[in-house]
Amino acid sequence: MESADLLRLGFALVFTLALIGLCAFVVQHFGRKLPLLAKGGANARLSVVEWKPLDGRNQIFLIRRDDVEHLVIVSPQSAPVVVETGIRRELLGSPVQSTSPASAPLPLGPAGPVLRS
């Protein structure tokens, strides 16, 4: 192989690794805000309304299902914890009203949320 071919091979390798790094940065930085990564349509019953990192490992999600929102903390060390459930959004322009009692967070079990009756 000539030195020009080796140089071209090196530039192609650096360019490919830079593109992979750029794609990883964009996906990590924007996450599910990218329209190409969002799933579901106008008729979707389940959606993530908002997502925020709490610290390096814990994340908090506001999840909407059938016009009822639930606040969930997700951690890799433990099971997801439901902080607040039954947050209802009435008509547009109305304030958000919570129907959950002021009590301890409800942990999620392997089969789903543990809800009191």
PDB file of N, CA and C in Angstrom:
ATOM      1  N   MET A   1       0.830  -1.171   0.000  1.00  0.00           N
ATOM      2  CA  MET A   1       0.000   0.000   0.000  1.00  0.00           C
ATOM      3  C   MET A   1       0.881   1.243   0.000  1.00  0.00           C
ATOM      4  N   GLU A   2       0.493   2.187  -0.732  1.00  0.00           N
ATOM      5  CA  GLU A   2       1.253   3.434  -0.796  1.00  0.00           C
ATOM      6  C   GLU A   2       0.893   4.331   0.383  1.00  0.00           C
ATOM      7  N   SER A   3       1.711   5.314   0.632  1.00  0.00           N
ATOM      8  CA  SER A   3       1.461   6.219   1.756  1.00  0.00           C
ATOM      9  C   SER A   3       0.193   7.046   1.536  1.00  0.00           C
ATOM     10  N   ALA A   4      -0.141   7.361   0.286  1.00  0.00           N
ATOM     11  CA  ALA A   4      -1.374   8.116   0.006  1.00  0.00           C
ATOM     12  C   ALA A   4      -2.593   7.278   0.359  1.00  0.00           C
ATOM     13  N   ASP A   5      -2.549   5.975   0.098  1.00  0.00           N
ATOM     14  CA  ASP A   5      -3.671   5.099   0.448  1.00  0.00           C
ATOM     15  C   ASP A   5      -3.817   4.973   1.965  1.00  0.00           C
ATOM     16  N   LEU A   6      -2.692   4.870   2.659  1.00  0.00           N
ATOM     17  CA  LEU A   6      -2.740   4.789   4.117  1.00  0.00           C
ATOM     18  C   LEU A   6      -3.277   6.085   4.719  1.00  0.00           C
ATOM     19  N   LEU A   7      -2.884   7.193   4.151  1.00  0.00           N
ATOM     20  CA  LEU A   7      -3.373   8.486   4.624  1.00  0.00           C
ATOM     21  C   LEU A   7      -4.881   8.622   4.395  1.00  0.00           C
ATOM     22  N   ARG A   8      -5.346   8.190   3.233  1.00  0.00           N
ATOM     23  CA  ARG A   8      -6.771   8.236   2.927  1.00  0.00           C
ATOM     24  C   ARG A   8      -7.546   7.297   3.853  1.00  0.00           C
ATOM     25  N   LEU A   9      -6.984   6.129   4.141  1.00  0.00           N
ATOM     26  CA  LEU A   9      -7.610   5.179   5.057  1.00  0.00           C
ATOM     27  C   LEU A   9      -7.713   5.785   6.468  1.00  0.00           C
ATOM     28  N   GLY A  10      -6.666   6.459   6.902  1.00  0.00           N
ATOM     29  CA  GLY A  10      -6.677   7.098   8.218  1.00  0.00           C
ATOM     30  C   GLY A  10      -7.714   8.208   8.302  1.00  0.00           C
ATOM     31  N   PHE A  11      -7.807   9.040   7.276  1.00  0.00           N
ATOM     32  CA  PHE A  11      -8.817  10.103   7.262  1.00  0.00           C
ATOM     33  C   PHE A  11     -10.231   9.520   7.236  1.00  0.00           C
ATOM     34  N   ALA A  12     -10.438   8.451   6.494  1.00  0.00           N
ATOM     35  CA  ALA A  12     -11.766   7.821   6.445  1.00  0.00           C
ATOM     36  C   ALA A  12     -12.130   7.255   7.813  1.00  0.00           C
ATOM     37  N   LEU A  13     -11.165   6.652   8.506  1.00  0.00           N
ATOM     38  CA  LEU A  13     -11.424   6.110   9.837  1.00  0.00           C
ATOM     39  C   LEU A  13     -11.756   7.227  10.826  1.00  0.00           C
ATOM     40  N   VAL A  14     -11.004   8.297  10.817  1.00  0.00           N
ATOM     41  CA  VAL A  14     -11.253   9.422  11.715  1.00  0.00           C
ATOM     42  C   VAL A  14     -12.604  10.067  11.402  1.00  0.00           C
ATOM     43  N   PHE A  15     -12.927  10.211  10.126  1.00  0.00           N
ATOM     44  CA  PHE A  15     -14.211  10.801   9.731  1.00  0.00           C
ATOM     45  C   PHE A  15     -15.374   9.925  10.193  1.00  0.00           C
ATOM     46  N   THR A  16     -15.258   8.605  10.029  1.00  0.00           N
ATOM     47  CA  THR A  16     -16.324   7.679  10.446  1.00  0.00           C
ATOM     48  C   THR A  16     -16.510   7.720  11.959  1.00  0.00           C
ATOM     49  N   LEU A  17     -15.431   7.706  12.704  1.00  0.00           N
ATOM     50  CA  LEU A  17     -15.539   7.772  14.164  1.00  0.00           C
ATOM     51  C   LEU A  17     -16.117   9.106  14.625  1.00  0.00           C
ATOM     52  N   ALA A  18     -15.791  10.177  13.942  1.00  0.00           N
ATOM     53  CA  ALA A  18     -16.358  11.490  14.276  1.00  0.00           C
ATOM     54  C   ALA A  18     -17.862  11.513  14.013  1.00  0.00           C
ATOM     55  N   LEU A  19     -18.320  10.912  12.925  1.00  0.00           N
ATOM     56  CA  LEU A  19     -19.764  10.849  12.647  1.00  0.00           C
ATOM     57  C   LEU A  19     -20.494  10.023  13.696  1.00  0.00           C
ATOM     58  N   ILE A  20     -19.904   8.906  14.110  1.00  0.00           N
ATOM     59  CA  ILE A  20     -20.528   8.074  15.147  1.00  0.00           C
ATOM     60  C   ILE A  20     -20.613   8.857  16.457  1.00  0.00           C
ATOM     61  N   GLY A  21     -19.540   9.564  16.804  1.00  0.00           N
ATOM     62  CA  GLY A  21     -19.546  10.377  18.021  1.00  0.00           C
ATOM     63  C   GLY A  21     -20.568  11.494  17.959  1.00  0.00           C
ATOM     64  N   LEU A  22     -20.699  12.136  16.809  1.00  0.00           N
ATOM     65  CA  LEU A  22     -21.684  13.206  16.638  1.00  0.00           C
ATOM     66  C   LEU A  22     -23.108  12.661  16.792  1.00  0.00           C
ATOM     67  N   CYS A  23     -23.380  11.521  16.196  1.00  0.00           N
ATOM     68  CA  CYS A  23     -24.714  10.913  16.322  1.00  0.00           C
ATOM     69  C   CYS A  23     -25.011  10.549  17.775  1.00  0.00           C
ATOM     70  N   ALA A  24     -24.026   9.991  18.472  1.00  0.00           N
ATOM     71  CA  ALA A  24     -24.223   9.637  19.881  1.00  0.00           C
ATOM     72  C   ALA A  24     -24.485  10.885  20.720  1.00  0.00           C
ATOM     73  N   PHE A  25     -23.772  11.971  20.447  1.00  0.00           N
ATOM     74  CA  PHE A  25     -23.975  13.221  21.184  1.00  0.00           C
ATOM     75  C   PHE A  25     -25.373  13.772  20.942  1.00  0.00           C
ATOM     76  N   VAL A  26     -25.820  13.776  19.698  1.00  0.00           N
ATOM     77  CA  VAL A  26     -27.142  14.320  19.365  1.00  0.00           C
ATOM     78  C   VAL A  26     -28.242  13.508  20.041  1.00  0.00           C
ATOM     79  N   VAL A  27     -28.140  12.181  20.005  1.00  0.00           N
ATOM     80  CA  VAL A  27     -29.167  11.346  20.620  1.00  0.00           C
ATOM     81  C   VAL A  27     -29.150  11.516  22.136  1.00  0.00           C
ATOM     82  N   GLN A  28     -27.973  11.596  22.739  1.00  0.00           N
ATOM     83  CA  GLN A  28     -27.889  11.770  24.178  1.00  0.00           C
ATOM     84  C   GLN A  28     -28.375  13.153  24.599  1.00  0.00           C
ATOM     85  N   HIS A  29     -28.054  14.167  23.840  1.00  0.00           N
ATOM     86  CA  HIS A  29     -28.419  15.538  24.216  1.00  0.00           C
ATOM     87  C   HIS A  29     -29.904  15.819  24.004  1.00  0.00           C
ATOM     88  N   PHE A  30     -30.442  15.391  22.884  1.00  0.00           N
ATOM     89  CA  PHE A  30     -31.837  15.697  22.564  1.00  0.00           C
ATOM     90  C   PHE A  30     -32.787  14.588  22.959  1.00  0.00           C
ATOM     91  N   GLY A  31     -32.312  13.371  23.062  1.00  0.00           N
ATOM     92  CA  GLY A  31     -33.131  12.251  23.522  1.00  0.00           C
ATOM     93  C   GLY A  31     -34.369  12.048  22.681  1.00  0.00           C
ATOM     94  N   ARG A  32     -35.496  11.940  23.367  1.00  0.00           N
ATOM     95  CA  ARG A  32     -36.760  11.659  22.674  1.00  0.00           C
ATOM     96  C   ARG A  32     -37.420  12.906  22.116  1.00  0.00           C
ATOM     97  N   LYS A  33     -36.746  14.033  22.197  1.00  0.00           N
ATOM     98  CA  LYS A  33     -37.311  15.265  21.633  1.00  0.00           C
ATOM     99  C   LYS A  33     -37.196  15.281  20.119  1.00  0.00           C
ATOM    100  N   LEU A  34     -36.371  14.396  19.576  1.00  0.00           N
ATOM    101  CA  LEU A  34     -36.242  14.341  18.125  1.00  0.00           C
ATOM    102  C   LEU A  34     -37.505  13.733  17.532  1.00  0.00           C
ATOM    103  N   PRO A  35     -38.087  14.331  16.514  1.00  0.00           N
ATOM    104  CA  PRO A  35     -39.327  13.798  15.955  1.00  0.00           C
ATOM    105  C   PRO A  35     -39.153  12.424  15.327  1.00  0.00           C
ATOM    106  N   LEU A  36     -37.961  12.096  14.878  1.00  0.00           N
ATOM    107  CA  LEU A  36     -37.750  10.789  14.273  1.00  0.00           C
ATOM    108  C   LEU A  36     -37.755   9.672  15.305  1.00  0.00           C
ATOM    109  N   LEU A  37     -37.403   9.979  16.554  1.00  0.00           N
ATOM    110  CA  LEU A  37     -37.364   8.969  17.598  1.00  0.00           C
ATOM    111  C   LEU A  37     -38.674   8.842  18.354  1.00  0.00           C
ATOM    112  N   ALA A  38     -39.562   9.796  18.216  1.00  0.00           N
ATOM    113  CA  ALA A  38     -40.837   9.759  18.925  1.00  0.00           C
ATOM    114  C   ALA A  38     -41.759   8.741  18.267  1.00  0.00           C
ATOM    115  N   LYS A  39     -42.395   7.936  19.115  1.00  0.00           N
ATOM    116  CA  LYS A  39     -43.303   6.914  18.595  1.00  0.00           C
ATOM    117  C   LYS A  39     -44.732   7.299  18.939  1.00  0.00           C
ATOM    118  N   GLY A  40     -45.655   6.746  18.220  1.00  0.00           N
ATOM    119  CA  GLY A  40     -47.054   7.047  18.466  1.00  0.00           C
ATOM    120  C   GLY A  40     -47.506   8.195  17.588  1.00  0.00           C
ATOM    121  N   GLY A  41     -48.785   8.361  17.503  1.00  0.00           N
ATOM    122  CA  GLY A  41     -49.318   9.436  16.681  1.00  0.00           C
ATOM    123  C   GLY A  41     -50.297  10.263  17.480  1.00  0.00           C
ATOM    124  N   ALA A  42     -51.217  10.858  16.774  1.00  0.00           N
ATOM    125  CA  ALA A  42     -52.210  11.715  17.418  1.00  0.00           C
ATOM    126  C   ALA A  42     -53.163  10.897  18.289  1.00  0.00           C
ATOM    127  N   ASN A  43     -53.336   9.615  17.974  1.00  0.00           N
ATOM    128  CA  ASN A  43     -54.263   8.768  18.709  1.00  0.00           C
ATOM    129  C   ASN A  43     -53.588   7.942  19.788  1.00  0.00           C
ATOM    130  N   ALA A  44     -52.349   8.230  20.118  1.00  0.00           N
ATOM    131  CA  ALA A  44     -51.627   7.459  21.120  1.00  0.00           C
ATOM    132  C   ALA A  44     -52.239   7.693  22.497  1.00  0.00           C
ATOM    133  N   ARG A  45     -52.440   6.619  23.247  1.00  0.00           N
ATOM    134  CA  ARG A  45     -53.015   6.716  24.592  1.00  0.00           C
ATOM    135  C   ARG A  45     -51.957   6.936  25.648  1.00  0.00           C
ATOM    136  N   LEU A  46     -50.725   6.545  25.365  1.00  0.00           N
ATOM    137  CA  LEU A  46     -49.652   6.636  26.339  1.00  0.00           C
ATOM    138  C   LEU A  46     -48.552   7.520  25.793  1.00  0.00           C
ATOM    139  N   SER A  47     -48.094   8.485  26.596  1.00  0.00           N
ATOM    140  CA  SER A  47     -47.018   9.357  26.137  1.00  0.00           C
ATOM    141  C   SER A  47     -46.224   9.869  27.325  1.00  0.00           C
ATOM    142  N   VAL A  48     -44.968  10.174  27.067  1.00  0.00           N
ATOM    143  CA  VAL A  48     -44.123  10.822  28.065  1.00  0.00           C
ATOM    144  C   VAL A  48     -44.253  12.321  27.834  1.00  0.00           C
ATOM    145  N   VAL A  49     -44.878  13.008  28.777  1.00  0.00           N
ATOM    146  CA  VAL A  49     -45.130  14.436  28.647  1.00  0.00           C
ATOM    147  C   VAL A  49     -43.840  15.211  28.872  1.00  0.00           C
ATOM    148  N   GLU A  50     -43.116  14.837  29.926  1.00  0.00           N
ATOM    149  CA  GLU A  50     -41.897  15.548  30.278  1.00  0.00           C
ATOM    150  C   GLU A  50     -40.944  14.584  30.960  1.00  0.00           C
ATOM    151  N   TRP A  51     -39.646  14.835  30.793  1.00  0.00           N
ATOM    152  CA  TRP A  51     -38.602  13.999  31.372  1.00  0.00           C
ATOM    153  C   TRP A  51     -37.472  14.889  31.827  1.00  0.00           C
ATOM    154  N   LYS A  52     -37.010  14.684  33.038  1.00  0.00           N
ATOM    155  CA  LYS A  52     -35.904  15.483  33.579  1.00  0.00           C
ATOM    156  C   LYS A  52     -34.963  14.568  34.357  1.00  0.00           C
ATOM    157  N   PRO A  53     -33.659  14.792  34.223  1.00  0.00           N
ATOM    158  CA  PRO A  53     -32.728  14.063  35.096  1.00  0.00           C
ATOM    159  C   PRO A  53     -32.712  14.725  36.478  1.00  0.00           C
ATOM    160  N   LEU A  54     -32.785  13.918  37.532  1.00  0.00           N
ATOM    161  CA  LEU A  54     -32.711  14.455  38.889  1.00  0.00           C
ATOM    162  C   LEU A  54     -31.258  14.592  39.330  1.00  0.00           C
ATOM    163  N   ASP A  55     -30.488  13.568  39.071  1.00  0.00           N
ATOM    164  CA  ASP A  55     -29.053  13.597  39.329  1.00  0.00           C
ATOM    165  C   ASP A  55     -28.399  12.689  38.285  1.00  0.00           C
ATOM    166  N   GLY A  56     -27.216  12.198  38.571  1.00  0.00           N
ATOM    167  CA  GLY A  56     -26.501  11.399  37.581  1.00  0.00           C
ATOM    168  C   GLY A  56     -27.180  10.097  37.213  1.00  0.00           C
ATOM    169  N   ARG A  57     -27.970   9.542  38.113  1.00  0.00           N
ATOM    170  CA  ARG A  57     -28.563   8.230  37.853  1.00  0.00           C
ATOM    171  C   ARG A  57     -30.094   8.225  37.863  1.00  0.00           C
ATOM    172  N   ASN A  58     -30.724   9.089  38.615  1.00  0.00           N
ATOM    173  CA  ASN A  58     -32.188   9.087  38.749  1.00  0.00           C
ATOM    174  C   ASN A  58     -32.824  10.036  37.746  1.00  0.00           C
ATOM    175  N   GLN A  59     -33.996   9.634  37.256  1.00  0.00           N
ATOM    176  CA  GLN A  59     -34.741  10.444  36.300  1.00  0.00           C
ATOM    177  C   GLN A  59     -36.191  10.506  36.758  1.00  0.00           C
ATOM    178  N   ILE A  60     -36.858  11.601  36.435  1.00  0.00           N
ATOM    179  CA  ILE A  60     -38.272  11.741  36.772  1.00  0.00           C
ATOM    180  C   ILE A  60     -39.061  11.914  35.475  1.00  0.00           C
ATOM    181  N   PHE A  61     -40.171  11.210  35.370  1.00  0.00           N
ATOM    182  CA  PHE A  61     -41.006  11.222  34.174  1.00  0.00           C
ATOM    183  C   PHE A  61     -42.409  11.658  34.543  1.00  0.00           C
ATOM    184  N   LEU A  62     -43.002  12.476  33.687  1.00  0.00           N
ATOM    185  CA  LEU A  62     -44.418  12.784  33.763  1.00  0.00           C
ATOM    186  C   LEU A  62     -45.060  12.048  32.600  1.00  0.00           C
ATOM    187  N   ILE A  63     -45.846  11.030  32.922  1.00  0.00           N
ATOM    188  CA  ILE A  63     -46.425  10.132  31.911  1.00  0.00           C
ATOM    189  C   ILE A  63     -47.920  10.383  31.832  1.00  0.00           C
ATOM    190  N   ARG A  64     -48.446  10.509  30.616  1.00  0.00           N
ATOM    191  CA  ARG A  64     -49.881  10.710  30.415  1.00  0.00           C
ATOM    192  C   ARG A  64     -50.486   9.456  29.787  1.00  0.00           C
ATOM    193  N   ARG A  65     -51.584   8.993  30.381  1.00  0.00           N
ATOM    194  CA  ARG A  65     -52.353   7.885  29.837  1.00  0.00           C
ATOM    195  C   ARG A  65     -53.825   8.251  29.932  1.00  0.00           C
ATOM    196  N   ASP A  66     -54.477   8.335  28.801  1.00  0.00           N
ATOM    197  CA  ASP A  66     -55.916   8.646  28.747  1.00  0.00           C
ATOM    198  C   ASP A  66     -56.264   9.899  29.564  1.00  0.00           C
ATOM    199  N   ASP A  67     -55.552  10.997  29.329  1.00  0.00           N
ATOM    200  CA  ASP A  67     -55.785  12.288  29.966  1.00  0.00           C
ATOM    201  C   ASP A  67     -55.554  12.287  31.480  1.00  0.00           C
ATOM    202  N   VAL A  68     -54.879  11.280  32.003  1.00  0.00           N
ATOM    203  CA  VAL A  68     -54.477  11.239  33.406  1.00  0.00           C
ATOM    204  C   VAL A  68     -52.961  11.145  33.433  1.00  0.00           C
ATOM    205  N   GLU A  69     -52.321  11.987  34.244  1.00  0.00           N
ATOM    206  CA  GLU A  69     -50.869  12.011  34.297  1.00  0.00           C
ATOM    207  C   GLU A  69     -50.370  11.381  35.584  1.00  0.00           C
ATOM    208  N   HIS A  70     -49.186  10.770  35.504  1.00  0.00           N
ATOM    209  CA  HIS A  70     -48.562  10.108  36.638  1.00  0.00           C
ATOM    210  C   HIS A  70     -47.109  10.559  36.705  1.00  0.00           C
ATOM    211  N   LEU A  71     -46.623  10.853  37.905  1.00  0.00           N
ATOM    212  CA  LEU A  71     -45.253  11.279  38.126  1.00  0.00           C
ATOM    213  C   LEU A  71     -44.469  10.088  38.670  1.00  0.00           C
ATOM    214  N   VAL A  72     -43.398   9.677  37.947  1.00  0.00           N
ATOM    215  CA  VAL A  72     -42.654   8.460  38.269  1.00  0.00           C
ATOM    216  C   VAL A  72     -41.167   8.781  38.336  1.00  0.00           C
ATOM    217  N   ILE A  73     -40.485   8.274  39.373  1.00  0.00           N
ATOM    218  CA  ILE A  73     -39.027   8.377  39.468  1.00  0.00           C
ATOM    219  C   ILE A  73     -38.448   7.028  39.095  1.00  0.00           C
ATOM    220  N   VAL A  74     -37.490   7.044  38.153  1.00  0.00           N
ATOM    221  CA  VAL A  74     -36.860   5.818  37.671  1.00  0.00           C
ATOM    222  C   VAL A  74     -35.393   5.855  38.068  1.00  0.00           C
ATOM    223  N   SER A  75     -34.930   4.746  38.659  1.00  0.00           N
ATOM    224  CA  SER A  75     -33.554   4.633  39.108  1.00  0.00           C
ATOM    225  C   SER A  75     -33.025   3.263  38.725  1.00  0.00           C
ATOM    226  N   PRO A  76     -31.771   3.149  38.291  1.00  0.00           N
ATOM    227  CA  PRO A  76     -31.240   1.834  37.947  1.00  0.00           C
ATOM    228  C   PRO A  76     -30.997   0.960  39.175  1.00  0.00           C
ATOM    229  N   GLN A  77     -30.903   1.543  40.376  1.00  0.00           N
ATOM    230  CA  GLN A  77     -30.621   0.769  41.578  1.00  0.00           C
ATOM    231  C   GLN A  77     -31.867   0.129  42.179  1.00  0.00           C
ATOM    232  N   SER A  78     -33.033   0.702  41.948  1.00  0.00           N
ATOM    233  CA  SER A  78     -34.249   0.198  42.587  1.00  0.00           C
ATOM    234  C   SER A  78     -35.405   0.223  41.596  1.00  0.00           C
ATOM    235  N   ALA A  79     -36.543  -0.262  42.068  1.00  0.00           N
ATOM    236  CA  ALA A  79     -37.741  -0.291  41.235  1.00  0.00           C
ATOM    237  C   ALA A  79     -38.251   1.136  41.023  1.00  0.00           C
ATOM    238  N   PRO A  80     -38.956   1.390  39.922  1.00  0.00           N
ATOM    239  CA  PRO A  80     -39.552   2.718  39.719  1.00  0.00           C
ATOM    240  C   PRO A  80     -40.533   3.055  40.840  1.00  0.00           C
ATOM    241  N   VAL A  81     -40.606   4.329  41.197  1.00  0.00           N
ATOM    242  CA  VAL A  81     -41.473   4.772  42.285  1.00  0.00           C
ATOM    243  C   VAL A  81     -42.480   5.765  41.732  1.00  0.00           C
ATOM    244  N   VAL A  82     -43.767   5.495  41.996  1.00  0.00           N
ATOM    245  CA  VAL A  82     -44.822   6.421  41.604  1.00  0.00           C
ATOM    246  C   VAL A  82     -44.923   7.482  42.689  1.00  0.00           C
ATOM    247  N   VAL A  83     -44.582   8.722  42.348  1.00  0.00           N
ATOM    248  CA  VAL A  83     -44.611   9.821  43.311  1.00  0.00           C
ATOM    249  C   VAL A  83     -46.023  10.360  43.459  1.00  0.00           C
ATOM    250  N   GLU A  84     -46.684  10.551  42.334  1.00  0.00           N
ATOM    251  CA  GLU A  84     -48.039  11.092  42.345  1.00  0.00           C
ATOM    252  C   GLU A  84     -48.806  10.470  41.193  1.00  0.00           C
ATOM    253  N   THR A  85     -50.039  10.131  41.445  1.00  0.00           N
ATOM    254  CA  THR A  85     -50.857   9.510  40.411  1.00  0.00           C
ATOM    255  C   THR A  85     -52.208  10.216  40.332  1.00  0.00           C
ATOM    256  N   GLY A  86     -52.847  10.093  39.205  1.00  0.00           N
ATOM    257  CA  GLY A  86     -54.177  10.676  39.047  1.00  0.00           C
ATOM    258  C   GLY A  86     -54.180  12.171  38.826  1.00  0.00           C
ATOM    259  N   ILE A  87     -53.118  12.711  38.263  1.00  0.00           N
ATOM    260  CA  ILE A  87     -53.081  14.138  37.961  1.00  0.00           C
ATOM    261  C   ILE A  87     -53.948  14.344  36.724  1.00  0.00           C
ATOM    262  N   ARG A  88     -55.020  15.116  36.862  1.00  0.00           N
ATOM    263  CA  ARG A  88     -55.952  15.286  35.745  1.00  0.00           C
ATOM    264  C   ARG A  88     -55.792  16.649  35.113  1.00  0.00           C
ATOM    265  N   ARG A  89     -55.846  16.672  33.799  1.00  0.00           N
ATOM    266  CA  ARG A  89     -55.887  17.922  33.038  1.00  0.00           C
ATOM    267  C   ARG A  89     -57.295  18.032  32.479  1.00  0.00           C
ATOM    268  N   GLU A  90     -57.989  19.027  32.918  1.00  0.00           N
ATOM    269  CA  GLU A  90     -59.353  19.216  32.430  1.00  0.00           C
ATOM    270  C   GLU A  90     -59.288  19.894  31.056  1.00  0.00           C
ATOM    271  N   LEU A  91     -60.015  20.916  30.852  1.00  0.00           N
ATOM    272  CA  LEU A  91     -60.019  21.623  29.577  1.00  0.00           C
ATOM    273  C   LEU A  91     -58.763  22.472  29.442  1.00  0.00           C
ATOM    274  N   LEU A  92     -58.443  22.873  28.233  1.00  0.00           N
ATOM    275  CA  LEU A  92     -57.278  23.720  28.012  1.00  0.00           C
ATOM    276  C   LEU A  92     -57.412  25.005  28.808  1.00  0.00           C
ATOM    277  N   GLY A  93     -56.332  25.446  29.393  1.00  0.00           N
ATOM    278  CA  GLY A  93     -56.342  26.662  30.183  1.00  0.00           C
ATOM    279  C   GLY A  93     -56.667  26.439  31.645  1.00  0.00           C
ATOM    280  N   SER A  94     -57.114  25.239  32.007  1.00  0.00           N
ATOM    281  CA  SER A  94     -57.399  24.948  33.401  1.00  0.00           C
ATOM    282  C   SER A  94     -56.123  24.563  34.119  1.00  0.00           C
ATOM    283  N   PRO A  95     -56.026  24.866  35.392  1.00  0.00           N
ATOM    284  CA  PRO A  95     -54.854  24.417  36.137  1.00  0.00           C
ATOM    285  C   PRO A  95     -54.900  22.908  36.339  1.00  0.00           C
ATOM    286  N   VAL A  96     -53.759  22.322  36.549  1.00  0.00           N
ATOM    287  CA  VAL A  96     -53.668  20.880  36.778  1.00  0.00           C
ATOM    288  C   VAL A  96     -54.117  20.600  38.202  1.00  0.00           C
ATOM    289  N   GLN A  97     -54.988  19.598  38.364  1.00  0.00           N
ATOM    290  CA  GLN A  97     -55.490  19.239  39.676  1.00  0.00           C
ATOM    291  C   GLN A  97     -55.106  17.799  39.955  1.00  0.00           C
ATOM    292  N   SER A  98     -54.633  17.551  41.148  1.00  0.00           N
ATOM    293  CA  SER A  98     -54.232  16.218  41.547  1.00  0.00           C
ATOM    294  C   SER A  98     -55.354  15.570  42.335  1.00  0.00           C
ATOM    295  N   THR A  99     -55.622  14.302  42.058  1.00  0.00           N
ATOM    296  CA  THR A  99     -56.634  13.571  42.806  1.00  0.00           C
ATOM    297  C   THR A  99     -56.000  12.537  43.712  1.00  0.00           C
ATOM    298  N   SER A 100     -54.671  12.510  43.804  1.00  0.00           N
ATOM    299  CA  SER A 100     -54.018  11.508  44.642  1.00  0.00           C
ATOM    300  C   SER A 100     -53.947  12.010  46.077  1.00  0.00           C
ATOM    301  N   PRO A 101     -54.066  11.084  47.039  1.00  0.00           N
ATOM    302  CA  PRO A 101     -53.963  11.498  48.437  1.00  0.00           C
ATOM    303  C   PRO A 101     -52.523  11.825  48.777  1.00  0.00           C
ATOM    304  N   ALA A 102     -52.339  12.673  49.773  1.00  0.00           N
ATOM    305  CA  ALA A 102     -50.992  13.019  50.210  1.00  0.00           C
ATOM    306  C   ALA A 102     -50.479  11.878  51.078  1.00  0.00           C
ATOM    307  N   SER A 103     -49.752  10.967  50.480  1.00  0.00           N
ATOM    308  CA  SER A 103     -49.231   9.804  51.197  1.00  0.00           C
ATOM    309  C   SER A 103     -47.870   9.449  50.632  1.00  0.00           C
ATOM    310  N   ALA A 104     -47.330   8.362  51.120  1.00  0.00           N
ATOM    311  CA  ALA A 104     -46.006   7.912  50.667  1.00  0.00           C
ATOM    312  C   ALA A 104     -46.066   7.491  49.212  1.00  0.00           C
ATOM    313  N   PRO A 105     -44.931   7.587  48.487  1.00  0.00           N
ATOM    314  CA  PRO A 105     -44.893   7.149  47.103  1.00  0.00           C
ATOM    315  C   PRO A 105     -45.214   5.668  46.964  1.00  0.00           C
ATOM    316  N   LEU A 106     -45.823   5.294  45.866  1.00  0.00           N
ATOM    317  CA  LEU A 106     -46.187   3.913  45.610  1.00  0.00           C
ATOM    318  C   LEU A 106     -45.120   3.255  44.752  1.00  0.00           C
ATOM    319  N   PRO A 107     -44.465   2.181  45.241  1.00  0.00           N
ATOM    320  CA  PRO A 107     -43.464   1.519  44.405  1.00  0.00           C
ATOM    321  C   PRO A 107     -44.128   0.693  43.322  1.00  0.00           C
ATOM    322  N   LEU A 108     -43.454   0.572  42.197  1.00  0.00           N
ATOM    323  CA  LEU A 108     -43.936  -0.270  41.113  1.00  0.00           C
ATOM    324  C   LEU A 108     -43.394  -1.671  41.321  1.00  0.00           C
ATOM    325  N   GLY A 109     -44.247  -2.653  41.210  1.00  0.00           N
ATOM    326  CA  GLY A 109     -43.805  -4.038  41.310  1.00  0.00           C
ATOM    327  C   GLY A 109     -43.476  -4.582  39.939  1.00  0.00           C
ATOM    328  N   PRO A 110     -43.108  -5.852  39.859  1.00  0.00           N
ATOM    329  CA  PRO A 110     -42.772  -6.424  38.561  1.00  0.00           C
ATOM    330  C   PRO A 110     -43.959  -6.474  37.610  1.00  0.00           C
ATOM    331  N   ALA A 111     -45.178  -6.516  38.145  1.00  0.00           N
ATOM    332  CA  ALA A 111     -46.355  -6.611  37.285  1.00  0.00           C
ATOM    333  C   ALA A 111     -46.974  -5.257  36.998  1.00  0.00           C
ATOM    334  N   GLY A 112     -46.445  -4.177  37.547  1.00  0.00           N
ATOM    335  CA  GLY A 112     -46.996  -2.860  37.277  1.00  0.00           C
ATOM    336  C   GLY A 112     -47.150  -2.077  38.562  1.00  0.00           C
ATOM    337  N   PRO A 113     -47.881  -0.977  38.504  1.00  0.00           N
ATOM    338  CA  PRO A 113     -48.004  -0.136  39.693  1.00  0.00           C
ATOM    339  C   PRO A 113     -48.828  -0.797  40.777  1.00  0.00           C
ATOM    340  N   VAL A 114     -48.466  -0.520  42.002  1.00  0.00           N
ATOM    341  CA  VAL A 114     -49.214  -1.000  43.154  1.00  0.00           C
ATOM    342  C   VAL A 114     -50.156   0.125  43.539  1.00  0.00           C
ATOM    343  N   LEU A 115     -51.422  -0.035  43.255  1.00  0.00           N
ATOM    344  CA  LEU A 115     -52.403   1.015  43.527  1.00  0.00           C
ATOM    345  C   LEU A 115     -53.316   0.582  44.655  1.00  0.00           C
ATOM    346  N   ARG A 116     -53.677   1.516  45.491  1.00  0.00           N
ATOM    347  CA  ARG A 116     -54.604   1.222  46.580  1.00  0.00           C
ATOM    348  C   ARG A 116     -56.036   1.332  46.076  1.00  0.00           C
ATOM    349  N   SER A 117     -56.909   0.504  46.666  1.00  0.00           N
ATOM    350  CA  SER A 117     -58.310   0.580  46.263  1.00  0.00           C
ATOM    351  C   SER A 117     -59.153   1.257  47.292  1.00  0.00           C
TER     352      SER A 117
END
